[in-house]
């Protein structure tokens, strides 16, 4: 938040996990969940970027309920903003949603940071940010004020994501839950998010082959989500609880 040093200082208290998704034809990482790599000492990042329908929202809702952390769905924040009278909106949200295109980065940034700051002032500092960041510009803007501690990368095929989205459309009431808009959103995800995922992978806090760690490390973990979401959940929960937030068992 430009020009508000107090707000930025408050936001530094936030522990943020971003939850994202991944392009299906990327080469697997040696740290993929379900591989032969020992994950017991791996760390997670705290944001959840992901393609439409990969299961980000579902996993975050379950995690928030069980662990008592704050689930921040950027999509829901923007849709709530779009329900305000047009004269109070910061952008033409319904036009963006209907076309399956991204809301301007600066608008997303302001709405997201305002929501995080409100929670921090109320004493809530552990966040799962669902579906963010979507581009390198969003990443750069966000990291001017906030520290991304971890990235949880959920990966599924295009076919699986479409199937889940169409199932969701029966009850969601969302204008963007249809096959045509999915195609646009999915292509936009590929176009915008590839560089983001590469950046987080490159900034992984694990030492590289020459034992160096990036100057601005981010803990990164990828989880395969072709399986049933309920089957995957206990594994994601344990990783987030123990390895990222360090929440002690009751």
C-alpha atoms as a PDB file:
ATOM      1  CA  UNK A   1       0.000   0.000   0.000  1.00  0.00           C
ATOM      2  CA  UNK A   2       1.913   2.965  -1.299  1.00  0.00           C
ATOM      3  CA  UNK A   3       2.376   5.824   1.108  1.00  0.00           C
ATOM      4  CA  UNK A   4       1.159   3.945   4.199  1.00  0.00           C
ATOM      5  CA  UNK A   5       4.185   2.695   6.125  1.00  0.00           C
ATOM      6  CA  UNK A   6       2.066   1.687   9.113  1.00  0.00           C
ATOM      7  CA  UNK A   7      -0.064  -0.656   7.040  1.00  0.00           C
ATOM      8  CA  UNK A   8       3.005  -2.206   5.432  1.00  0.00           C
ATOM      9  CA  UNK A   9       4.528  -2.765   8.870  1.00  0.00           C
ATOM     10  CA  UNK A  10       1.348  -4.534  10.007  1.00  0.00           C
ATOM     11  CA  UNK A  11       1.343  -6.732   6.892  1.00  0.00           C
ATOM     12  CA  UNK A  12       4.853  -7.939   7.749  1.00  0.00           C
ATOM     13  CA  UNK A  13       3.232  -9.966  10.546  1.00  0.00           C
ATOM     14  CA  UNK A  14       1.323 -12.078   8.020  1.00  0.00           C
ATOM     15  CA  UNK A  15       2.435 -15.661   7.359  1.00  0.00           C
ATOM     16  CA  UNK A  16       1.239 -16.239   3.811  1.00  0.00           C
ATOM     17  CA  UNK A  17       0.891 -19.482   1.887  1.00  0.00           C
ATOM     18  CA  UNK A  18      -0.025 -19.057  -1.766  1.00  0.00           C
ATOM     19  CA  UNK A  19      -1.949 -21.949  -3.346  1.00  0.00           C
ATOM     20  CA  UNK A  20      -1.485 -22.294  -7.102  1.00  0.00           C
ATOM     21  CA  UNK A  21      -1.855 -24.838  -9.921  1.00  0.00           C
ATOM     22  CA  UNK A  22       0.424 -26.025 -12.677  1.00  0.00           C
ATOM     23  CA  UNK A  23       0.543 -26.437 -16.411  1.00  0.00           C
ATOM     24  CA  UNK A  24      -0.029 -30.154 -17.209  1.00  0.00           C
ATOM     25  CA  UNK A  25       2.861 -30.653 -19.625  1.00  0.00           C
ATOM     26  CA  UNK A  26       5.631 -29.356 -17.341  1.00  0.00           C
ATOM     27  CA  UNK A  27       8.360 -31.825 -16.461  1.00  0.00           C
ATOM     28  CA  UNK A  28       7.860 -33.338 -12.986  1.00  0.00           C
ATOM     29  CA  UNK A  29       9.856 -31.914 -10.126  1.00  0.00           C
ATOM     30  CA  UNK A  30      12.006 -34.244  -7.992  1.00  0.00           C
ATOM     31  CA  UNK A  31      10.000 -32.890  -5.063  1.00  0.00           C
ATOM     32  CA  UNK A  32       6.598 -33.889  -6.455  1.00  0.00           C
ATOM     33  CA  UNK A  33       4.261 -35.315  -3.870  1.00  0.00           C
ATOM     34  CA  UNK A  34       3.940 -39.043  -4.383  1.00  0.00           C
ATOM     35  CA  UNK A  35       7.450 -39.425  -5.801  1.00  0.00           C
ATOM     36  CA  UNK A  36      10.226 -41.424  -4.154  1.00  0.00           C
ATOM     37  CA  UNK A  37      11.641 -38.250  -2.598  1.00  0.00           C
ATOM     38  CA  UNK A  38      11.487 -38.193   1.211  1.00  0.00           C
ATOM     39  CA  UNK A  39       9.111 -35.345   2.044  1.00  0.00           C
ATOM     40  CA  UNK A  40       9.447 -35.531   5.829  1.00  0.00           C
ATOM     41  CA  UNK A  41      11.760 -32.509   5.998  1.00  0.00           C
ATOM     42  CA  UNK A  42      10.392 -30.544   3.037  1.00  0.00           C
ATOM     43  CA  UNK A  43       8.898 -27.120   3.641  1.00  0.00           C
ATOM     44  CA  UNK A  44       5.796 -25.636   2.029  1.00  0.00           C
ATOM     45  CA  UNK A  45       5.145 -22.168   0.761  1.00  0.00           C
ATOM     46  CA  UNK A  46       1.959 -20.441   1.748  1.00  0.00           C
ATOM     47  CA  UNK A  47       0.126 -19.433  -1.373  1.00  0.00           C
ATOM     48  CA  UNK A  48      -2.089 -21.586  -3.549  1.00  0.00           C
ATOM     49  CA  UNK A  49      -1.959 -20.689  -7.243  1.00  0.00           C
ATOM     50  CA  UNK A  50      -3.686 -23.144  -9.587  1.00  0.00           C
ATOM     51  CA  UNK A  51      -5.647 -23.683 -12.752  1.00  0.00           C
ATOM     52  CA  UNK A  52      -9.454 -23.407 -12.675  1.00  0.00           C
ATOM     53  CA  UNK A  53     -11.015 -26.468 -11.069  1.00  0.00           C
ATOM     54  CA  UNK A  54      -7.793 -27.987  -9.692  1.00  0.00           C
ATOM     55  CA  UNK A  55      -9.234 -28.074  -6.147  1.00  0.00           C
ATOM     56  CA  UNK A  56      -7.551 -25.057  -4.537  1.00  0.00           C
ATOM     57  CA  UNK A  57     -10.690 -23.664  -2.961  1.00  0.00           C
ATOM     58  CA  UNK A  58     -11.900 -27.010  -1.649  1.00  0.00           C
ATOM     59  CA  UNK A  59      -8.573 -27.827   0.005  1.00  0.00           C
ATOM     60  CA  UNK A  60      -8.260 -24.336   1.483  1.00  0.00           C
ATOM     61  CA  UNK A  61     -11.780 -24.433   2.969  1.00  0.00           C
ATOM     62  CA  UNK A  62     -11.014 -27.744   4.678  1.00  0.00           C
ATOM     63  CA  UNK A  63      -7.618 -26.528   5.910  1.00  0.00           C
ATOM     64  CA  UNK A  64      -9.042 -23.288   7.291  1.00  0.00           C
ATOM     65  CA  UNK A  65     -11.804 -25.101   9.160  1.00  0.00           C
ATOM     66  CA  UNK A  66      -9.524 -27.709  10.720  1.00  0.00           C
ATOM     67  CA  UNK A  67      -6.402 -25.616  11.394  1.00  0.00           C
ATOM     68  CA  UNK A  68      -8.026 -22.297  12.267  1.00  0.00           C
ATOM     69  CA  UNK A  69      -6.116 -20.356   9.587  1.00  0.00           C
ATOM     70  CA  UNK A  70      -7.620 -17.698   7.310  1.00  0.00           C
ATOM     71  CA  UNK A  71      -8.629 -18.797   3.822  1.00  0.00           C
ATOM     72  CA  UNK A  72      -8.443 -15.872   1.410  1.00  0.00           C
ATOM     73  CA  UNK A  73     -10.047 -16.662  -1.948  1.00  0.00           C
ATOM     74  CA  UNK A  74      -8.986 -13.872  -4.271  1.00  0.00           C
ATOM     75  CA  UNK A  75     -11.749 -14.869  -6.691  1.00  0.00           C
ATOM     76  CA  UNK A  76     -14.391 -14.592  -3.960  1.00  0.00           C
ATOM     77  CA  UNK A  77     -13.033 -11.195  -2.873  1.00  0.00           C
ATOM     78  CA  UNK A  78     -13.346  -9.930  -6.437  1.00  0.00           C
ATOM     79  CA  UNK A  79     -16.809 -11.413  -6.921  1.00  0.00           C
ATOM     80  CA  UNK A  80     -17.943  -9.745  -3.676  1.00  0.00           C
ATOM     81  CA  UNK A  81     -16.558  -6.449  -4.974  1.00  0.00           C
ATOM     82  CA  UNK A  82     -18.501  -7.033  -8.197  1.00  0.00           C
ATOM     83  CA  UNK A  83     -21.761  -7.293  -6.230  1.00  0.00           C
ATOM     84  CA  UNK A  84     -21.410  -3.723  -4.968  1.00  0.00           C
ATOM     85  CA  UNK A  85     -23.276  -0.913  -6.779  1.00  0.00           C
ATOM     86  CA  UNK A  86     -21.448  -0.060  -9.999  1.00  0.00           C
ATOM     87  CA  UNK A  87     -20.627   3.428  -8.706  1.00  0.00           C
ATOM     88  CA  UNK A  88     -18.682   1.893  -5.798  1.00  0.00           C
ATOM     89  CA  UNK A  89     -16.744  -0.688  -7.790  1.00  0.00           C
ATOM     90  CA  UNK A  90     -13.072  -0.264  -8.582  1.00  0.00           C
ATOM     91  CA  UNK A  91     -13.479  -1.921 -12.002  1.00  0.00           C
ATOM     92  CA  UNK A  92     -16.123  -3.474 -14.272  1.00  0.00           C
ATOM     93  CA  UNK A  93     -15.913  -6.865 -12.567  1.00  0.00           C
ATOM     94  CA  UNK A  94     -18.796  -8.579 -14.324  1.00  0.00           C
ATOM     95  CA  UNK A  95     -17.266  -7.779 -17.698  1.00  0.00           C
ATOM     96  CA  UNK A  96     -13.963  -9.352 -16.641  1.00  0.00           C
ATOM     97  CA  UNK A  97     -15.675 -12.436 -15.192  1.00  0.00           C
ATOM     98  CA  UNK A  98     -17.887 -12.943 -18.225  1.00  0.00           C
ATOM     99  CA  UNK A  99     -14.933 -12.694 -20.607  1.00  0.00           C
ATOM    100  CA  UNK A 100     -12.713 -14.918 -18.451  1.00  0.00           C
ATOM    101  CA  UNK A 101      -9.969 -12.261 -18.344  1.00  0.00           C
ATOM    102  CA  UNK A 102      -7.872 -10.985 -15.450  1.00  0.00           C
ATOM    103  CA  UNK A 103      -8.918  -8.027 -13.315  1.00  0.00           C
ATOM    104  CA  UNK A 104      -6.222  -5.281 -13.419  1.00  0.00           C
ATOM    105  CA  UNK A 105      -3.324  -6.122 -11.109  1.00  0.00           C
ATOM    106  CA  UNK A 106      -3.463  -2.881  -9.142  1.00  0.00           C
ATOM    107  CA  UNK A 107      -7.142  -3.423  -8.341  1.00  0.00           C
ATOM    108  CA  UNK A 108      -6.511  -6.978  -7.142  1.00  0.00           C
ATOM    109  CA  UNK A 109      -3.571  -5.778  -5.063  1.00  0.00           C
ATOM    110  CA  UNK A 110      -5.582  -3.106  -3.249  1.00  0.00           C
ATOM    111  CA  UNK A 111      -8.515  -5.384  -2.469  1.00  0.00           C
ATOM    112  CA  UNK A 112      -6.296  -8.260  -1.298  1.00  0.00           C
ATOM    113  CA  UNK A 113      -4.028  -6.165   0.909  1.00  0.00           C
ATOM    114  CA  UNK A 114      -7.004  -4.396   2.496  1.00  0.00           C
ATOM    115  CA  UNK A 115      -8.491  -7.773   3.418  1.00  0.00           C
ATOM    116  CA  UNK A 116      -5.194  -9.117   4.802  1.00  0.00           C
ATOM    117  CA  UNK A 117      -4.588  -5.975   6.833  1.00  0.00           C
ATOM    118  CA  UNK A 118      -8.064  -6.143   8.383  1.00  0.00           C
ATOM    119  CA  UNK A 119      -7.391  -9.703   9.563  1.00  0.00           C
ATOM    120  CA  UNK A 120      -3.900  -8.900  10.877  1.00  0.00           C
ATOM    121  CA  UNK A 121      -5.303  -6.045  12.962  1.00  0.00           C
ATOM    122  CA  UNK A 122      -7.802  -8.541  14.410  1.00  0.00           C
ATOM    123  CA  UNK A 123      -4.921 -10.833  15.413  1.00  0.00           C
ATOM    124  CA  UNK A 124      -5.207 -13.357  12.579  1.00  0.00           C
ATOM    125  CA  UNK A 125      -1.821 -13.788  10.897  1.00  0.00           C
ATOM    126  CA  UNK A 126      -1.840 -17.217   9.204  1.00  0.00           C
ATOM    127  CA  UNK A 127      -3.218 -17.085   5.664  1.00  0.00           C
ATOM    128  CA  UNK A 128      -3.902 -19.414   2.766  1.00  0.00           C
ATOM    129  CA  UNK A 129      -4.178 -17.195  -0.311  1.00  0.00           C
ATOM    130  CA  UNK A 130      -6.108 -19.166  -2.899  1.00  0.00           C
ATOM    131  CA  UNK A 131      -5.453 -18.665  -6.628  1.00  0.00           C
ATOM    132  CA  UNK A 132      -2.792 -15.973  -6.345  1.00  0.00           C
ATOM    133  CA  UNK A 133      -0.508 -14.735  -7.797  1.00  0.00           C
ATOM    134  CA  UNK A 134      -1.492 -15.238 -11.425  1.00  0.00           C
ATOM    135  CA  UNK A 135       1.294 -13.265 -13.091  1.00  0.00           C
ATOM    136  CA  UNK A 136       4.804 -11.948 -12.448  1.00  0.00           C
ATOM    137  CA  UNK A 137       3.403  -8.415 -12.184  1.00  0.00           C
ATOM    138  CA  UNK A 138       1.045  -9.523  -9.417  1.00  0.00           C
ATOM    139  CA  UNK A 139       3.937 -11.265  -7.677  1.00  0.00           C
ATOM    140  CA  UNK A 140       6.162  -8.180  -7.834  1.00  0.00           C
ATOM    141  CA  UNK A 141       3.441  -5.814  -6.623  1.00  0.00           C
ATOM    142  CA  UNK A 142       2.453  -8.089  -3.756  1.00  0.00           C
ATOM    143  CA  UNK A 143       6.014  -8.665  -2.553  1.00  0.00           C
ATOM    144  CA  UNK A 144       6.593  -4.926  -2.246  1.00  0.00           C
ATOM    145  CA  UNK A 145       4.456  -5.035   0.918  1.00  0.00           C
ATOM    146  CA  UNK A 146       4.085  -8.720   1.849  1.00  0.00           C
ATOM    147  CA  UNK A 147       6.392 -11.693   2.234  1.00  0.00           C
ATOM    148  CA  UNK A 148       5.362 -14.962   0.577  1.00  0.00           C
ATOM    149  CA  UNK A 149       6.628 -17.625   2.927  1.00  0.00           C
ATOM    150  CA  UNK A 150       5.496 -20.671   0.994  1.00  0.00           C
ATOM    151  CA  UNK A 151       3.843 -21.826  -2.232  1.00  0.00           C
ATOM    152  CA  UNK A 152       1.632 -24.884  -2.397  1.00  0.00           C
ATOM    153  CA  UNK A 153       1.358 -25.888  -6.034  1.00  0.00           C
ATOM    154  CA  UNK A 154      -1.619 -28.113  -6.921  1.00  0.00           C
ATOM    155  CA  UNK A 155      -1.345 -29.882 -10.280  1.00  0.00           C
ATOM    156  CA  UNK A 156      -3.988 -31.682 -12.367  1.00  0.00           C
ATOM    157  CA  UNK A 157      -4.696 -32.301 -16.047  1.00  0.00           C
ATOM    158  CA  UNK A 158      -6.902 -30.016 -18.110  1.00  0.00           C
ATOM    159  CA  UNK A 159      -9.503 -32.781 -18.390  1.00  0.00           C
ATOM    160  CA  UNK A 160      -9.684 -33.251 -14.613  1.00  0.00           C
ATOM    161  CA  UNK A 161     -10.001 -29.523 -13.982  1.00  0.00           C
ATOM    162  CA  UNK A 162     -12.799 -29.174 -16.558  1.00  0.00           C
ATOM    163  CA  UNK A 163     -14.685 -32.113 -15.069  1.00  0.00           C
ATOM    164  CA  UNK A 164     -14.484 -30.628 -11.575  1.00  0.00           C
ATOM    165  CA  UNK A 165     -15.525 -27.173 -12.792  1.00  0.00           C
ATOM    166  CA  UNK A 166     -18.592 -28.539 -14.629  1.00  0.00           C
ATOM    167  CA  UNK A 167     -19.600 -30.441 -11.493  1.00  0.00           C
ATOM    168  CA  UNK A 168     -19.185 -27.275  -9.443  1.00  0.00           C
ATOM    169  CA  UNK A 169     -21.266 -25.266 -11.936  1.00  0.00           C
ATOM    170  CA  UNK A 170     -24.408 -27.190 -10.938  1.00  0.00           C
ATOM    171  CA  UNK A 171     -24.481 -25.425  -7.563  1.00  0.00           C
ATOM    172  CA  UNK A 172     -22.054 -22.464  -7.701  1.00  0.00           C
ATOM    173  CA  UNK A 173     -24.162 -19.911  -9.583  1.00  0.00           C
ATOM    174  CA  UNK A 174     -20.947 -18.413 -10.989  1.00  0.00           C
ATOM    175  CA  UNK A 175     -21.120 -16.745 -14.419  1.00  0.00           C
ATOM    176  CA  UNK A 176     -17.652 -18.087 -15.270  1.00  0.00           C
ATOM    177  CA  UNK A 177     -18.462 -21.738 -14.514  1.00  0.00           C
ATOM    178  CA  UNK A 178     -19.054 -22.953 -18.048  1.00  0.00           C
ATOM    179  CA  UNK A 179     -17.014 -24.820 -20.652  1.00  0.00           C
ATOM    180  CA  UNK A 180     -16.446 -21.833 -22.942  1.00  0.00           C
ATOM    181  CA  UNK A 181     -15.185 -19.536 -20.203  1.00  0.00           C
ATOM    182  CA  UNK A 182     -13.105 -22.403 -18.802  1.00  0.00           C
ATOM    183  CA  UNK A 183     -11.202 -22.567 -22.116  1.00  0.00           C
ATOM    184  CA  UNK A 184     -10.397 -18.855 -21.878  1.00  0.00           C
ATOM    185  CA  UNK A 185      -9.471 -19.026 -18.203  1.00  0.00           C
ATOM    186  CA  UNK A 186      -7.320 -22.086 -18.760  1.00  0.00           C
ATOM    187  CA  UNK A 187      -5.455 -20.491 -21.655  1.00  0.00           C
ATOM    188  CA  UNK A 188      -5.033 -17.334 -19.618  1.00  0.00           C
ATOM    189  CA  UNK A 189      -3.667 -19.444 -16.778  1.00  0.00           C
ATOM    190  CA  UNK A 190      -1.081 -20.994 -19.118  1.00  0.00           C
ATOM    191  CA  UNK A 191      -0.138 -17.635 -20.629  1.00  0.00           C
ATOM    192  CA  UNK A 192       0.155 -15.793 -17.317  1.00  0.00           C
ATOM    193  CA  UNK A 193       1.198 -18.372 -14.738  1.00  0.00           C
ATOM    194  CA  UNK A 194       4.023 -20.276 -16.416  1.00  0.00           C
ATOM    195  CA  UNK A 195       6.590 -17.613 -15.489  1.00  0.00           C
ATOM    196  CA  UNK A 196       5.209 -17.422 -11.934  1.00  0.00           C
ATOM    197  CA  UNK A 197       5.661 -21.135 -11.372  1.00  0.00           C
ATOM    198  CA  UNK A 198       9.143 -21.100 -12.875  1.00  0.00           C
ATOM    199  CA  UNK A 199      10.037 -18.169 -10.613  1.00  0.00           C
ATOM    200  CA  UNK A 200       8.874 -19.917  -7.440  1.00  0.00           C
ATOM    201  CA  UNK A 201      10.654 -23.108  -8.433  1.00  0.00           C
ATOM    202  CA  UNK A 202      13.853 -21.147  -9.054  1.00  0.00           C
ATOM    203  CA  UNK A 203      13.551 -19.421  -5.682  1.00  0.00           C
ATOM    204  CA  UNK A 204      13.033 -22.635  -3.763  1.00  0.00           C
ATOM    205  CA  UNK A 205      14.716 -22.486  -0.371  1.00  0.00           C
ATOM    206  CA  UNK A 206      16.296 -25.886  -0.975  1.00  0.00           C
ATOM    207  CA  UNK A 207      19.996 -25.655  -1.868  1.00  0.00           C
ATOM    208  CA  UNK A 208      20.804 -25.967  -5.569  1.00  0.00           C
ATOM    209  CA  UNK A 209      23.353 -28.375  -7.049  1.00  0.00           C
ATOM    210  CA  UNK A 210      26.152 -25.995  -6.058  1.00  0.00           C
ATOM    211  CA  UNK A 211      24.663 -25.651  -2.530  1.00  0.00           C
ATOM    212  CA  UNK A 212      23.559 -22.049  -2.985  1.00  0.00           C
ATOM    213  CA  UNK A 213      20.215 -20.626  -1.829  1.00  0.00           C
ATOM    214  CA  UNK A 214      18.511 -17.697  -3.651  1.00  0.00           C
ATOM    215  CA  UNK A 215      18.671 -14.291  -1.996  1.00  0.00           C
ATOM    216  CA  UNK A 216      14.845 -14.166  -1.836  1.00  0.00           C
ATOM    217  CA  UNK A 217      13.958 -17.823  -1.131  1.00  0.00           C
ATOM    218  CA  UNK A 218      10.426 -19.163  -1.202  1.00  0.00           C
ATOM    219  CA  UNK A 219       9.516 -22.592   0.117  1.00  0.00           C
ATOM    220  CA  UNK A 220       7.909 -24.522  -2.728  1.00  0.00           C
ATOM    221  CA  UNK A 221       5.952 -27.770  -2.837  1.00  0.00           C
ATOM    222  CA  UNK A 222       3.961 -29.425  -5.623  1.00  0.00           C
ATOM    223  CA  UNK A 223       1.102 -31.900  -5.051  1.00  0.00           C
ATOM    224  CA  UNK A 224      -0.479 -34.111  -7.699  1.00  0.00           C
ATOM    225  CA  UNK A 225      -4.276 -33.688  -7.603  1.00  0.00           C
ATOM    226  CA  UNK A 226      -5.573 -36.255 -10.066  1.00  0.00           C
ATOM    227  CA  UNK A 227      -6.757 -38.339  -7.119  1.00  0.00           C
ATOM    228  CA  UNK A 228      -9.985 -37.713  -5.235  1.00  0.00           C
ATOM    229  CA  UNK A 229      -9.697 -34.483  -3.257  1.00  0.00           C
ATOM    230  CA  UNK A 230     -10.701 -36.189  -0.001  1.00  0.00           C
ATOM    231  CA  UNK A 231      -7.899 -38.707  -0.469  1.00  0.00           C
ATOM    232  CA  UNK A 232      -5.320 -35.960  -1.013  1.00  0.00           C
ATOM    233  CA  UNK A 233      -6.463 -33.747   1.859  1.00  0.00           C
ATOM    234  CA  UNK A 234      -4.847 -35.515   4.884  1.00  0.00           C
ATOM    235  CA  UNK A 235      -1.439 -35.343   3.198  1.00  0.00           C
ATOM    236  CA  UNK A 236      -1.805 -31.643   2.372  1.00  0.00           C
ATOM    237  CA  UNK A 237      -3.103 -30.944   5.891  1.00  0.00           C
ATOM    238  CA  UNK A 238      -0.105 -32.562   7.549  1.00  0.00           C
ATOM    239  CA  UNK A 239       2.336 -30.693   5.316  1.00  0.00           C
ATOM    240  CA  UNK A 240       0.696 -27.327   5.945  1.00  0.00           C
ATOM    241  CA  UNK A 241       0.224 -27.921   9.671  1.00  0.00           C
ATOM    242  CA  UNK A 242       3.645 -29.301  10.551  1.00  0.00           C
ATOM    243  CA  UNK A 243       6.076 -28.136   7.882  1.00  0.00           C
ATOM    244  CA  UNK A 244       4.759 -24.675   7.113  1.00  0.00           C
ATOM    245  CA  UNK A 245       2.840 -23.214  10.032  1.00  0.00           C
ATOM    246  CA  UNK A 246       4.414 -25.450  12.685  1.00  0.00           C
ATOM    247  CA  UNK A 247       1.117 -25.939  14.485  1.00  0.00           C
ATOM    248  CA  UNK A 248       1.501 -28.317  17.431  1.00  0.00           C
ATOM    249  CA  UNK A 249      -0.858 -31.255  17.676  1.00  0.00           C
ATOM    250  CA  UNK A 250      -3.457 -31.063  20.406  1.00  0.00           C
END
